[in-house]
């Protein structure tokens, strides 16, 4: 709400209430950066799209049942113990 109020004041050429920003520990630049990212961000700034398809690179069927923590010193496979 504070960001919206601040940016609206700028758009209609009113003096924004900066005391509210100080109470929240925000600067003008913080609010403008948040506005750019949250309100008018480009598609590439909002979403991270994988550059490759993992399903085409690895044999996912053989990896079923593993937990992905099989590094040196890690817990290894997360398969059920019989």
PDB file of N, CA and C in Angstrom:
ATOM      1  N   UNK A   1       0.834  -1.184   0.000  1.00  0.00           N
ATOM      2  CA  UNK A   1       0.000   0.000   0.000  1.00  0.00           C
ATOM      3  C   UNK A   1       0.879   1.249   0.000  1.00  0.00           C
ATOM      4  N   UNK A   2       1.961   1.214   0.760  1.00  0.00           N
ATOM      5  CA  UNK A   2       2.850   2.372   0.832  1.00  0.00           C
ATOM      6  C   UNK A   2       3.485   2.633  -0.529  1.00  0.00           C
ATOM      7  N   UNK A   3       3.912   1.567  -1.197  1.00  0.00           N
ATOM      8  CA  UNK A   3       4.526   1.728  -2.514  1.00  0.00           C
ATOM      9  C   UNK A   3       3.518   2.329  -3.499  1.00  0.00           C
ATOM     10  N   UNK A   4       2.310   1.820  -3.471  1.00  0.00           N
ATOM     11  CA  UNK A   4       1.279   2.313  -4.388  1.00  0.00           C
ATOM     12  C   UNK A   4       0.970   3.785  -4.126  1.00  0.00           C
ATOM     13  N   UNK A   5       0.846   4.150  -2.864  1.00  0.00           N
ATOM     14  CA  UNK A   5       0.557   5.536  -2.497  1.00  0.00           C
ATOM     15  C   UNK A   5       1.696   6.458  -2.918  1.00  0.00           C
ATOM     16  N   UNK A   6       2.916   6.028  -2.681  1.00  0.00           N
ATOM     17  CA  UNK A   6       4.091   6.826  -3.040  1.00  0.00           C
ATOM     18  C   UNK A   6       4.153   7.040  -4.553  1.00  0.00           C
ATOM     19  N   UNK A   7       4.013   5.955  -5.317  1.00  0.00           N
ATOM     20  CA  UNK A   7       4.114   6.064  -6.769  1.00  0.00           C
ATOM     21  C   UNK A   7       2.939   6.852  -7.350  1.00  0.00           C
ATOM     22  N   UNK A   8       1.766   6.721  -6.759  1.00  0.00           N
ATOM     23  CA  UNK A   8       0.606   7.491  -7.226  1.00  0.00           C
ATOM     24  C   UNK A   8       0.850   8.978  -7.026  1.00  0.00           C
ATOM     25  N   UNK A   9       1.407   9.346  -5.895  1.00  0.00           N
ATOM     26  CA  UNK A   9       1.710  10.754  -5.634  1.00  0.00           C
ATOM     27  C   UNK A   9       2.688  11.294  -6.675  1.00  0.00           C
ATOM     28  N   UNK A  10       3.682  10.509  -7.041  1.00  0.00           N
ATOM     29  CA  UNK A  10       4.631  10.946  -8.065  1.00  0.00           C
ATOM     30  C   UNK A  10       3.944  11.127  -9.420  1.00  0.00           C
ATOM     31  N   UNK A  11       3.038  10.221  -9.747  1.00  0.00           N
ATOM     32  CA  UNK A  11       2.377  10.270 -11.055  1.00  0.00           C
ATOM     33  C   UNK A  11       1.435  11.461 -11.206  1.00  0.00           C
ATOM     34  N   UNK A  12       0.845  11.908 -10.119  1.00  0.00           N
ATOM     35  CA  UNK A  12      -0.080  13.052 -10.210  1.00  0.00           C
ATOM     36  C   UNK A  12       0.575  14.355  -9.734  1.00  0.00           C
ATOM     37  N   UNK A  13       1.899  14.342  -9.704  1.00  0.00           N
ATOM     38  CA  UNK A  13       2.692  15.530  -9.359  1.00  0.00           C
ATOM     39  C   UNK A  13       2.383  16.094  -7.982  1.00  0.00           C
ATOM     40  N   UNK A  14       2.162  15.213  -7.025  1.00  0.00           N
ATOM     41  CA  UNK A  14       2.003  15.614  -5.626  1.00  0.00           C
ATOM     42  C   UNK A  14       3.294  15.276  -4.888  1.00  0.00           C
ATOM     43  N   UNK A  15       3.471  15.900  -3.752  1.00  0.00           N
ATOM     44  CA  UNK A  15       4.641  15.608  -2.914  1.00  0.00           C
ATOM     45  C   UNK A  15       4.364  14.329  -2.123  1.00  0.00           C
ATOM     46  N   UNK A  16       5.155  13.260  -2.346  1.00  0.00           N
ATOM     47  CA  UNK A  16       4.917  12.013  -1.604  1.00  0.00           C
ATOM     48  C   UNK A  16       5.293  12.150  -0.131  1.00  0.00           C
ATOM     49  N   UNK A  17       4.609  11.396   0.706  1.00  0.00           N
ATOM     50  CA  UNK A  17       4.864  11.395   2.145  1.00  0.00           C
ATOM     51  C   UNK A  17       6.049  10.466   2.429  1.00  0.00           C
ATOM     52  N   UNK A  18       7.218  11.049   2.597  1.00  0.00           N
ATOM     53  CA  UNK A  18       8.426  10.257   2.807  1.00  0.00           C
ATOM     54  C   UNK A  18       8.594   9.816   4.257  1.00  0.00           C
ATOM     55  N   UNK A  19       7.814  10.375   5.165  1.00  0.00           N
ATOM     56  CA  UNK A  19       7.895   9.973   6.574  1.00  0.00           C
ATOM     57  C   UNK A  19       7.495   8.514   6.737  1.00  0.00           C
ATOM     58  N   UNK A  20       6.512   8.080   5.949  1.00  0.00           N
ATOM     59  CA  UNK A  20       6.065   6.684   6.011  1.00  0.00           C
ATOM     60  C   UNK A  20       7.186   5.756   5.544  1.00  0.00           C
ATOM     61  N   UNK A  21       7.913   6.179   4.522  1.00  0.00           N
ATOM     62  CA  UNK A  21       9.035   5.370   4.034  1.00  0.00           C
ATOM     63  C   UNK A  21      10.099   5.215   5.117  1.00  0.00           C
ATOM     64  N   UNK A  22      10.392   6.310   5.807  1.00  0.00           N
ATOM     65  CA  UNK A  22      11.402   6.261   6.865  1.00  0.00           C
ATOM     66  C   UNK A  22      10.985   5.332   7.997  1.00  0.00           C
ATOM     67  N   UNK A  23       9.688   5.345   8.328  1.00  0.00           N
ATOM     68  CA  UNK A  23       9.183   4.461   9.387  1.00  0.00           C
ATOM     69  C   UNK A  23       9.383   2.991   9.028  1.00  0.00           C
ATOM     70  N   UNK A  24       9.277   2.694   7.742  1.00  0.00           N
ATOM     71  CA  UNK A  24       9.436   1.311   7.281  1.00  0.00           C
ATOM     72  C   UNK A  24      10.878   0.965   6.938  1.00  0.00           C
ATOM     73  N   UNK A  25      11.762   1.939   7.017  1.00  0.00           N
ATOM     74  CA  UNK A  25      13.165   1.693   6.704  1.00  0.00           C
ATOM     75  C   UNK A  25      13.435   1.587   5.212  1.00  0.00           C
ATOM     76  N   UNK A  26      12.619   2.261   4.407  1.00  0.00           N
ATOM     77  CA  UNK A  26      12.775   2.232   2.957  1.00  0.00           C
ATOM     78  C   UNK A  26      13.274   3.571   2.444  1.00  0.00           C
ATOM     79  N   UNK A  27      13.968   3.525   1.335  1.00  0.00           N
ATOM     80  CA  UNK A  27      14.386   4.747   0.657  1.00  0.00           C
ATOM     81  C   UNK A  27      13.542   4.925  -0.598  1.00  0.00           C
ATOM     82  N   UNK A  28      13.652   6.108  -1.204  1.00  0.00           N
ATOM     83  CA  UNK A  28      12.945   6.352  -2.462  1.00  0.00           C
ATOM     84  C   UNK A  28      13.372   5.325  -3.511  1.00  0.00           C
ATOM     85  N   UNK A  29      14.669   5.064  -3.556  1.00  0.00           N
ATOM     86  CA  UNK A  29      15.196   4.120  -4.547  1.00  0.00           C
ATOM     87  C   UNK A  29      14.655   2.712  -4.307  1.00  0.00           C
ATOM     88  N   UNK A  30      14.538   2.300  -3.041  1.00  0.00           N
ATOM     89  CA  UNK A  30      13.969   0.983  -2.722  1.00  0.00           C
ATOM     90  C   UNK A  30      12.555   0.854  -3.284  1.00  0.00           C
ATOM     91  N   UNK A  31      11.742   1.877  -3.054  1.00  0.00           N
ATOM     92  CA  UNK A  31      10.348   1.842  -3.501  1.00  0.00           C
ATOM     93  C   UNK A  31      10.279   1.829  -5.026  1.00  0.00           C
ATOM     94  N   UNK A  32      11.105   2.627  -5.675  1.00  0.00           N
ATOM     95  CA  UNK A  32      11.095   2.666  -7.136  1.00  0.00           C
ATOM     96  C   UNK A  32      11.586   1.349  -7.729  1.00  0.00           C
ATOM     97  N   UNK A  33      12.575   0.718  -7.095  1.00  0.00           N
ATOM     98  CA  UNK A  33      13.049  -0.590  -7.561  1.00  0.00           C
ATOM     99  C   UNK A  33      11.971  -1.658  -7.392  1.00  0.00           C
ATOM    100  N   UNK A  34      11.299  -1.649  -6.241  1.00  0.00           N
ATOM    101  CA  UNK A  34      10.215  -2.613  -6.016  1.00  0.00           C
ATOM    102  C   UNK A  34       9.089  -2.404  -7.024  1.00  0.00           C
ATOM    103  N   UNK A  35       8.768  -1.149  -7.291  1.00  0.00           N
ATOM    104  CA  UNK A  35       7.711  -0.848  -8.258  1.00  0.00           C
ATOM    105  C   UNK A  35       8.079  -1.382  -9.640  1.00  0.00           C
ATOM    106  N   UNK A  36       9.326  -1.179 -10.028  1.00  0.00           N
ATOM    107  CA  UNK A  36       9.766  -1.650 -11.345  1.00  0.00           C
ATOM    108  C   UNK A  36       9.656  -3.162 -11.439  1.00  0.00           C
ATOM    109  N   UNK A  37      10.059  -3.869 -10.385  1.00  0.00           N
ATOM    110  CA  UNK A  37      10.022  -5.328 -10.419  1.00  0.00           C
ATOM    111  C   UNK A  37       8.620  -5.900 -10.253  1.00  0.00           C
ATOM    112  N   UNK A  38       7.826  -5.313  -9.376  1.00  0.00           N
ATOM    113  CA  UNK A  38       6.515  -5.883  -9.069  1.00  0.00           C
ATOM    114  C   UNK A  38       5.395  -5.397  -9.984  1.00  0.00           C
ATOM    115  N   UNK A  39       5.495  -4.180 -10.448  1.00  0.00           N
ATOM    116  CA  UNK A  39       4.387  -3.627 -11.220  1.00  0.00           C
ATOM    117  C   UNK A  39       4.638  -3.614 -12.721  1.00  0.00           C
ATOM    118  N   UNK A  40       5.861  -3.319 -13.130  1.00  0.00           N
ATOM    119  CA  UNK A  40       6.102  -3.168 -14.562  1.00  0.00           C
ATOM    120  C   UNK A  40       7.283  -3.989 -15.058  1.00  0.00           C
ATOM    121  N   UNK A  41       7.638  -5.017 -14.337  1.00  0.00           N
ATOM    122  CA  UNK A  41       8.805  -5.815 -14.724  1.00  0.00           C
ATOM    123  C   UNK A  41       8.585  -6.499 -16.065  1.00  0.00           C
ATOM    124  N   UNK A  42       9.660  -6.651 -16.794  1.00  0.00           N
ATOM    125  CA  UNK A  42       9.625  -7.389 -18.046  1.00  0.00           C
ATOM    126  C   UNK A  42       9.435  -8.869 -17.741  1.00  0.00           C
ATOM    127  N   UNK A  43       8.959  -9.603 -18.710  1.00  0.00           N
ATOM    128  CA  UNK A  43       8.701 -11.033 -18.546  1.00  0.00           C
ATOM    129  C   UNK A  43       9.956 -11.765 -18.079  1.00  0.00           C
ATOM    130  N   UNK A  44      11.110 -11.439 -18.675  1.00  0.00           N
ATOM    131  CA  UNK A  44      12.353 -12.136 -18.320  1.00  0.00           C
ATOM    132  C   UNK A  44      12.812 -11.816 -16.897  1.00  0.00           C
ATOM    133  N   UNK A  45      12.372 -10.691 -16.329  1.00  0.00           N
ATOM    134  CA  UNK A  45      12.728 -10.342 -14.956  1.00  0.00           C
ATOM    135  C   UNK A  45      11.830 -11.030 -13.937  1.00  0.00           C
ATOM    136  N   UNK A  46      10.631 -11.434 -14.353  1.00  0.00           N
ATOM    137  CA  UNK A  46       9.678 -12.043 -13.434  1.00  0.00           C
ATOM    138  C   UNK A  46       9.842 -13.545 -13.300  1.00  0.00           C
ATOM    139  N   UNK A  47      10.220 -14.203 -14.367  1.00  0.00           N
ATOM    140  CA  UNK A  47      10.255 -15.659 -14.375  1.00  0.00           C
ATOM    141  C   UNK A  47      11.631 -16.161 -14.763  1.00  0.00           C
ATOM    142  N   UNK A  48      12.024 -17.270 -14.150  1.00  0.00           N
ATOM    143  CA  UNK A  48      13.265 -17.935 -14.537  1.00  0.00           C
ATOM    144  C   UNK A  48      12.862 -19.138 -15.372  1.00  0.00           C
ATOM    145  N   UNK A  49      13.216 -19.097 -16.631  1.00  0.00           N
ATOM    146  CA  UNK A  49      12.874 -20.179 -17.539  1.00  0.00           C
ATOM    147  C   UNK A  49      14.125 -21.009 -17.767  1.00  0.00           C
ATOM    148  N   UNK A  50      14.057 -22.313 -17.498  1.00  0.00           N
ATOM    149  CA  UNK A  50      15.233 -23.162 -17.705  1.00  0.00           C
ATOM    150  C   UNK A  50      15.717 -23.083 -19.150  1.00  0.00           C
ATOM    151  N   UNK A  51      17.023 -23.065 -19.326  1.00  0.00           N
ATOM    152  CA  UNK A  51      17.580 -22.966 -20.673  1.00  0.00           C
ATOM    153  C   UNK A  51      17.630 -24.306 -21.380  1.00  0.00           C
ATOM    154  N   UNK A  52      17.503 -25.400 -20.649  1.00  0.00           N
ATOM    155  CA  UNK A  52      17.505 -26.722 -21.277  1.00  0.00           C
ATOM    156  C   UNK A  52      16.425 -27.579 -20.638  1.00  0.00           C
ATOM    157  N   UNK A  53      16.114 -28.659 -21.295  1.00  0.00           N
ATOM    158  CA  UNK A  53      15.117 -29.593 -20.780  1.00  0.00           C
ATOM    159  C   UNK A  53      15.835 -30.760 -20.130  1.00  0.00           C
ATOM    160  N   UNK A  54      15.748 -30.839 -18.821  1.00  0.00           N
ATOM    161  CA  UNK A  54      16.438 -31.896 -18.085  1.00  0.00           C
ATOM    162  C   UNK A  54      15.941 -33.274 -18.499  1.00  0.00           C
ATOM    163  N   UNK A  55      14.671 -33.388 -18.835  1.00  0.00           N
ATOM    164  CA  UNK A  55      14.136 -34.694 -19.201  1.00  0.00           C
ATOM    165  C   UNK A  55      14.774 -35.237 -20.481  1.00  0.00           C
ATOM    166  N   UNK A  56      15.384 -34.370 -21.276  1.00  0.00           N
ATOM    167  CA  UNK A  56      16.048 -34.815 -22.495  1.00  0.00           C
ATOM    168  C   UNK A  56      17.521 -35.133 -22.252  1.00  0.00           C
ATOM    169  N   UNK A  57      18.061 -34.718 -21.127  1.00  0.00           N
ATOM    170  CA  UNK A  57      19.481 -34.894 -20.839  1.00  0.00           C
ATOM    171  C   UNK A  57      19.746 -36.133 -20.001  1.00  0.00           C
ATOM    172  N   UNK A  58      18.915 -36.396 -19.014  1.00  0.00           N
ATOM    173  CA  UNK A  58      19.171 -37.484 -18.070  1.00  0.00           C
ATOM    174  C   UNK A  58      18.115 -38.576 -18.203  1.00  0.00           C
ATOM    175  N   UNK A  59      18.456 -39.750 -17.706  1.00  0.00           N
ATOM    176  CA  UNK A  59      17.512 -40.856 -17.646  1.00  0.00           C
ATOM    177  C   UNK A  59      16.774 -40.743 -16.316  1.00  0.00           C
ATOM    178  N   UNK A  60      15.651 -40.040 -16.328  1.00  0.00           N
ATOM    179  CA  UNK A  60      14.935 -39.755 -15.088  1.00  0.00           C
ATOM    180  C   UNK A  60      14.346 -41.006 -14.454  1.00  0.00           C
ATOM    181  N   UNK A  61      14.030 -42.013 -15.260  1.00  0.00           N
ATOM    182  CA  UNK A  61      13.472 -43.246 -14.708  1.00  0.00           C
ATOM    183  C   UNK A  61      14.474 -43.913 -13.771  1.00  0.00           C
ATOM    184  N   UNK A  62      15.745 -43.909 -14.139  1.00  0.00           N
ATOM    185  CA  UNK A  62      16.760 -44.545 -13.289  1.00  0.00           C
ATOM    186  C   UNK A  62      17.029 -43.736 -12.021  1.00  0.00           C
ATOM    187  N   UNK A  63      16.660 -42.461 -12.016  1.00  0.00           N
ATOM    188  CA  UNK A  63      16.897 -41.612 -10.850  1.00  0.00           C
ATOM    189  C   UNK A  63      15.733 -41.625  -9.864  1.00  0.00           C
ATOM    190  N   UNK A  64      14.650 -42.302 -10.188  1.00  0.00           N
ATOM    191  CA  UNK A  64      13.514 -42.365  -9.269  1.00  0.00           C
ATOM    192  C   UNK A  64      13.932 -43.025  -7.964  1.00  0.00           C
ATOM    193  N   UNK A  65      13.475 -42.477  -6.864  1.00  0.00           N
ATOM    194  CA  UNK A  65      13.787 -43.030  -5.555  1.00  0.00           C
ATOM    195  C   UNK A  65      15.029 -42.444  -4.922  1.00  0.00           C
ATOM    196  N   UNK A  66      15.787 -41.666  -5.655  1.00  0.00           N
ATOM    197  CA  UNK A  66      16.960 -41.024  -5.056  1.00  0.00           C
ATOM    198  C   UNK A  66      16.549 -39.630  -4.604  1.00  0.00           C
ATOM    199  N   UNK A  67      17.246 -39.115  -3.613  1.00  0.00           N
ATOM    200  CA  UNK A  67      16.845 -37.824  -3.066  1.00  0.00           C
ATOM    201  C   UNK A  67      17.695 -36.672  -3.572  1.00  0.00           C
ATOM    202  N   UNK A  68      18.706 -36.952  -4.358  1.00  0.00           N
ATOM    203  CA  UNK A  68      19.518 -35.876  -4.896  1.00  0.00           C
ATOM    204  C   UNK A  68      20.598 -35.383  -3.959  1.00  0.00           C
ATOM    205  N   UNK A  69      20.863 -36.103  -2.893  1.00  0.00           N
ATOM    206  CA  UNK A  69      21.894 -35.683  -1.941  1.00  0.00           C
ATOM    207  C   UNK A  69      23.045 -36.686  -1.908  1.00  0.00           C
ATOM    208  N   UNK A  70      23.381 -37.234  -3.045  1.00  0.00           N
ATOM    209  CA  UNK A  70      24.417 -38.268  -3.080  1.00  0.00           C
ATOM    210  C   UNK A  70      25.799 -37.668  -3.340  1.00  0.00           C
ATOM    211  N   UNK A  71      26.137 -36.610  -2.619  1.00  0.00           N
ATOM    212  CA  UNK A  71      27.460 -36.014  -2.716  1.00  0.00           C
ATOM    213  C   UNK A  71      28.372 -36.618  -1.650  1.00  0.00           C
ATOM    214  N   UNK A  72      29.659 -36.391  -1.756  1.00  0.00           N
ATOM    215  CA  UNK A  72      30.617 -36.934  -0.810  1.00  0.00           C
ATOM    216  C   UNK A  72      30.284 -36.482   0.606  1.00  0.00           C
ATOM    217  N   UNK A  73      30.096 -37.441   1.497  1.00  0.00           N
ATOM    218  CA  UNK A  73      29.755 -37.129   2.880  1.00  0.00           C
ATOM    219  C   UNK A  73      28.270 -36.927   3.097  1.00  0.00           C
ATOM    220  N   UNK A  74      27.477 -37.010   2.031  1.00  0.00           N
ATOM    221  CA  UNK A  74      26.031 -36.821   2.138  1.00  0.00           C
ATOM    222  C   UNK A  74      25.341 -38.115   2.522  1.00  0.00           C
ATOM    223  N   UNK A  75      24.026 -38.067   2.699  1.00  0.00           N
ATOM    224  CA  UNK A  75      23.285 -39.243   3.133  1.00  0.00           C
ATOM    225  C   UNK A  75      23.133 -40.308   2.052  1.00  0.00           C
ATOM    226  N   UNK A  76      23.433 -39.972   0.794  1.00  0.00           N
ATOM    227  CA  UNK A  76      23.321 -40.969  -0.270  1.00  0.00           C
ATOM    228  C   UNK A  76      21.898 -41.142  -0.729  1.00  0.00           C
ATOM    229  N   UNK A  77      21.561 -42.342  -1.143  1.00  0.00           N
ATOM    230  CA  UNK A  77      20.251 -42.621  -1.703  1.00  0.00           C
ATOM    231  C   UNK A  77      19.180 -42.582  -0.612  1.00  0.00           C
ATOM    232  N   UNK A  78      18.012 -42.133  -0.979  1.00  0.00           N
ATOM    233  CA  UNK A  78      16.892 -42.051  -0.029  1.00  0.00           C
ATOM    234  C   UNK A  78      15.895 -43.178  -0.253  1.00  0.00           C
ATOM    235  N   UNK A  79      16.335 -44.279  -0.824  1.00  0.00           N
ATOM    236  CA  UNK A  79      15.430 -45.394  -1.079  1.00  0.00           C
ATOM    237  C   UNK A  79      15.003 -46.019   0.242  1.00  0.00           C
ATOM    238  N   UNK A  80      13.893 -46.722   0.209  1.00  0.00           N
ATOM    239  CA  UNK A  80      13.418 -47.381   1.422  1.00  0.00           C
ATOM    240  C   UNK A  80      14.316 -48.560   1.755  1.00  0.00           C
ATOM    241  N   UNK A  81      14.496 -48.786   3.023  1.00  0.00           N
ATOM    242  CA  UNK A  81      15.335 -49.891   3.497  1.00  0.00           C
ATOM    243  C   UNK A  81      14.433 -51.057   3.832  1.00  0.00           C
ATOM    244  N   UNK A  82      14.772 -52.236   3.295  1.00  0.00           N
ATOM    245  CA  UNK A  82      13.930 -53.410   3.560  1.00  0.00           C
ATOM    246  C   UNK A  82      14.493 -54.237   4.685  1.00  0.00           C
TER     247      UNK A  82
END
